[in-house]
Amino acid sequence: MFTVDEENEKNDELDGYILKERIGSGSFSIVYTSTNLHNQKNYAVKVINKERVFGDALDRLLRESKLLKSISHPNIISLFDVKCK
């Protein structure tokens, strides 16, 4: 999950990931397929537009990401990385 001030476009590089196809979106985020430039593995990257997050929502998202990163279960996706800018 990344937080940025403006939406990224397809094939942009973002902190070691190449953003590819847009696969989903919500009120304050867009999810892309991506490739990690260091290990060439494919990931989903959620890009959060900080301009659309109000109040303590960003803090809640970061707490949620810490919790998700600590969980290992076959029916729950794994969180590998979180960055804020």
Protein backbone atom coordinates (compact mmCIF):
# COMPACT_ATOMS: atom_id res chain seq x y z
CA MET A 1 0.00 0.00 0.00
CA PHE A 2 1.33 3.40 -0.93
CA THR A 3 0.05 6.85 -0.14
CA VAL A 4 0.59 9.60 -2.66
CA ASP A 5 -0.72 13.09 -3.29
CA GLU A 6 -1.95 12.38 -6.80
CA GLU A 7 -3.06 9.34 -8.75
CA ASN A 8 -0.42 7.37 -10.64
CA GLU A 9 -0.77 6.39 -14.25
CA LYS A 10 -0.28 2.99 -15.83
CA ASN A 11 3.39 1.94 -16.23
CA ASP A 12 4.62 4.53 -13.72
CA GLU A 13 7.42 3.48 -11.41
CA LEU A 14 6.61 3.84 -7.73
CA ASP A 15 9.27 2.98 -5.13
CA GLY A 16 10.63 -0.06 -6.92
CA TYR A 17 7.36 -1.22 -8.50
CA ILE A 18 6.15 -0.76 -12.06
CA LEU A 19 2.41 -0.09 -11.98
CA LYS A 20 0.61 -1.92 -14.76
CA GLU A 21 -3.09 -2.61 -15.18
CA ARG A 22 -5.64 -0.87 -12.99
CA ILE A 23 -7.68 -3.64 -11.39
CA GLY A 24 -9.86 -1.76 -8.92
CA SER A 25 -10.64 1.55 -7.27
CA GLY A 26 -12.51 3.08 -4.39
CA SER A 27 -13.29 6.49 -2.96
CA PHE A 28 -9.64 7.24 -2.10
CA SER A 29 -7.50 4.53 -3.69
CA ILE A 30 -6.65 2.67 -6.88
CA VAL A 31 -5.32 -0.90 -7.07
CA TYR A 32 -2.87 -1.86 -9.82
CA THR A 33 -1.11 -5.02 -10.85
CA SER A 34 2.60 -4.37 -10.58
CA THR A 35 6.04 -5.89 -10.92
CA ASN A 36 8.72 -5.46 -8.28
CA LEU A 37 11.90 -4.24 -9.99
CA HIS A 38 14.17 -6.05 -7.51
CA ASN A 39 12.73 -9.57 -7.62
CA GLN A 40 10.57 -9.40 -10.79
CA LYS A 41 7.57 -10.85 -8.90
CA ASN A 42 4.04 -9.63 -9.54
CA TYR A 43 2.02 -7.92 -6.81
CA ALA A 44 -1.13 -5.89 -6.35
CA VAL A 45 -0.35 -2.34 -5.25
CA LYS A 46 -2.94 -0.14 -3.57
CA VAL A 47 -2.22 3.55 -4.12
CA ILE A 48 -4.01 5.85 -1.68
CA ASN A 49 -4.62 9.45 -2.61
CA LYS A 50 -3.93 11.37 0.62
CA GLU A 51 -5.87 14.37 -0.68
CA ARG A 52 -9.04 12.26 -0.41
CA VAL A 53 -8.39 10.88 3.10
CA PHE A 54 -9.78 13.00 5.93
CA GLY A 55 -9.52 13.07 9.71
CA ASP A 56 -7.90 10.04 11.29
CA ALA A 57 -8.62 7.76 8.32
CA LEU A 58 -4.95 7.62 7.27
CA ASP A 59 -3.93 6.59 10.79
CA ARG A 60 -6.59 3.86 10.74
CA LEU A 61 -5.35 2.63 7.35
CA LEU A 62 -1.80 2.41 8.67
CA ARG A 63 -2.94 0.52 11.78
CA GLU A 64 -4.96 -1.84 9.58
CA SER A 65 -1.94 -2.43 7.35
CA LYS A 66 0.25 -3.28 10.38
CA LEU A 67 -2.35 -5.78 11.52
CA LEU A 68 -2.72 -7.31 8.06
CA LYS A 69 1.07 -7.60 7.75
CA SER A 70 1.17 -9.69 10.93
CA ILE A 71 -1.50 -12.18 9.79
CA SER A 72 -0.68 -15.40 7.96
CA HIS A 73 -3.72 -17.37 6.82
CA PRO A 74 -4.46 -19.22 3.55
CA ASN A 75 -7.76 -17.33 3.07
CA ILE A 76 -6.32 -13.85 3.62
CA ILE A 77 -4.02 -12.06 1.19
CA SER A 78 -0.53 -11.28 2.45
CA LEU A 79 0.68 -7.74 2.87
CA PHE A 80 4.35 -7.36 1.96
CA ASP A 81 5.11 -3.66 2.09
CA VAL A 82 3.73 -0.32 3.28
CA LYS A 83 5.18 3.06 2.38
CA CYS A 84 3.95 6.58 3.09
CA LYS A 85 5.04 9.71 1.28
